[in-house]
Amino acid sequence: MAKKQSFGDKVLKQKAESRKMARIVVAEKKENGQFRFRSKMVHQDSLQEEIKAARQA
C-alpha cells in the first residue's frame, strides 16, 4: 500500500527551502592535463561568496 503524504507547514517549508538551493560546478586541472569537475549544492543566499571563493582557488 502507498504511504500517505502529509502536506503540513513543515513539509511545505522543507520544499520551499529546497528550491532556494543552487548547484555550483567547479573545474580543476589535474597534473596530467585532464580536468576534474566537482559539484556542490549551496544555499541561494551564499551563492555569490561561494563563486568568488571558487574563482580565487
C-alpha atoms as a PDB file:
ATOM      1  CA  MET A   1       0.000   0.000   0.000  1.00  0.00           C
ATOM      2  CA  ALA A   2       1.109   3.528  -0.660  1.00  0.00           C
ATOM      3  CA  LYS A   3       2.113   5.699   2.258  1.00  0.00           C
ATOM      4  CA  LYS A   4       0.060   8.818   2.812  1.00  0.00           C
ATOM      5  CA  GLN A   5       1.937  12.025   2.244  1.00  0.00           C
ATOM      6  CA  SER A   6       1.392  14.867   4.669  1.00  0.00           C
ATOM      7  CA  PHE A   7       1.233  18.453   3.472  1.00  0.00           C
ATOM      8  CA  GLY A   8       1.593  20.378   6.668  1.00  0.00           C
ATOM      9  CA  ASP A   9       3.535  23.541   7.338  1.00  0.00           C
ATOM     10  CA  LYS A  10       6.682  21.531   8.000  1.00  0.00           C
ATOM     11  CA  VAL A  11       6.601  19.762   4.631  1.00  0.00           C
ATOM     12  CA  LEU A  12       5.828  22.948   2.711  1.00  0.00           C
ATOM     13  CA  LYS A  13       8.675  24.767   4.473  1.00  0.00           C
ATOM     14  CA  GLN A  14      11.111  21.989   3.509  1.00  0.00           C
ATOM     15  CA  LYS A  15      10.001  22.178  -0.116  1.00  0.00           C
ATOM     16  CA  ALA A  16      10.485  25.952  -0.153  1.00  0.00           C
ATOM     17  CA  GLU A  17      13.986  25.611   1.320  1.00  0.00           C
ATOM     18  CA  SER A  18      14.980  23.018  -1.271  1.00  0.00           C
ATOM     19  CA  ARG A  19      14.000  25.396  -4.057  1.00  0.00           C
ATOM     20  CA  LYS A  20      16.429  28.002  -2.722  1.00  0.00           C
ATOM     21  CA  MET A  21      19.453  25.818  -3.413  1.00  0.00           C
ATOM     22  CA  ALA A  22      21.882  26.245  -6.293  1.00  0.00           C
ATOM     23  CA  ARG A  23      24.409  23.831  -7.757  1.00  0.00           C
ATOM     24  CA  ILE A  24      27.935  25.048  -8.474  1.00  0.00           C
ATOM     25  CA  VAL A  25      30.202  23.066 -10.798  1.00  0.00           C
ATOM     26  CA  VAL A  26      33.913  23.830 -10.389  1.00  0.00           C
ATOM     27  CA  ALA A  27      36.516  22.658 -12.907  1.00  0.00           C
ATOM     28  CA  GLU A  28      40.075  21.959 -11.775  1.00  0.00           C
ATOM     29  CA  LYS A  29      43.003  20.996 -13.977  1.00  0.00           C
ATOM     30  CA  LYS A  30      44.891  17.907 -12.809  1.00  0.00           C
ATOM     31  CA  GLU A  31      48.626  17.293 -13.128  1.00  0.00           C
ATOM     32  CA  ASN A  32      48.215  15.138 -16.228  1.00  0.00           C
ATOM     33  CA  GLY A  33      46.332  17.875 -18.113  1.00  0.00           C
ATOM     34  CA  GLN A  34      42.831  16.478 -17.699  1.00  0.00           C
ATOM     35  CA  PHE A  35      40.035  18.338 -15.969  1.00  0.00           C
ATOM     36  CA  ARG A  36      38.184  17.277 -12.846  1.00  0.00           C
ATOM     37  CA  PHE A  37      34.694  18.590 -12.121  1.00  0.00           C
ATOM     38  CA  ARG A  38      33.263  18.977  -8.639  1.00  0.00           C
ATOM     39  CA  SER A  39      29.645  19.882  -7.966  1.00  0.00           C
ATOM     40  CA  LYS A  40      28.408  21.463  -4.779  1.00  0.00           C
ATOM     41  CA  MET A  41      24.947  22.427  -3.534  1.00  0.00           C
ATOM     42  CA  VAL A  42      24.839  25.793  -1.762  1.00  0.00           C
ATOM     43  CA  HIS A  43      22.085  27.992  -0.427  1.00  0.00           C
ATOM     44  CA  GLN A  44      20.998  30.779  -2.738  1.00  0.00           C
ATOM     45  CA  ASP A  45      21.868  33.465  -0.178  1.00  0.00           C
ATOM     46  CA  SER A  46      25.558  32.456  -0.057  1.00  0.00           C
ATOM     47  CA  LEU A  47      25.911  31.784  -3.787  1.00  0.00           C
ATOM     48  CA  GLN A  48      27.976  34.855  -4.684  1.00  0.00           C
ATOM     49  CA  GLU A  49      30.504  34.228  -1.891  1.00  0.00           C
ATOM     50  CA  GLU A  50      30.958  30.608  -2.995  1.00  0.00           C
ATOM     51  CA  ILE A  51      31.529  31.669  -6.609  1.00  0.00           C
ATOM     52  CA  LYS A  52      34.146  34.238  -5.567  1.00  0.00           C
ATOM     53  CA  ALA A  53      35.907  31.651  -3.404  1.00  0.00           C
ATOM     54  CA  ALA A  54      35.937  29.126  -6.256  1.00  0.00           C
ATOM     55  CA  ARG A  55      37.441  31.645  -8.683  1.00  0.00           C
ATOM     56  CA  GLN A  56      40.251  32.546  -6.279  1.00  0.00           C
ATOM     57  CA  ALA A  57      41.185  28.909  -5.626  1.00  0.00           C
END
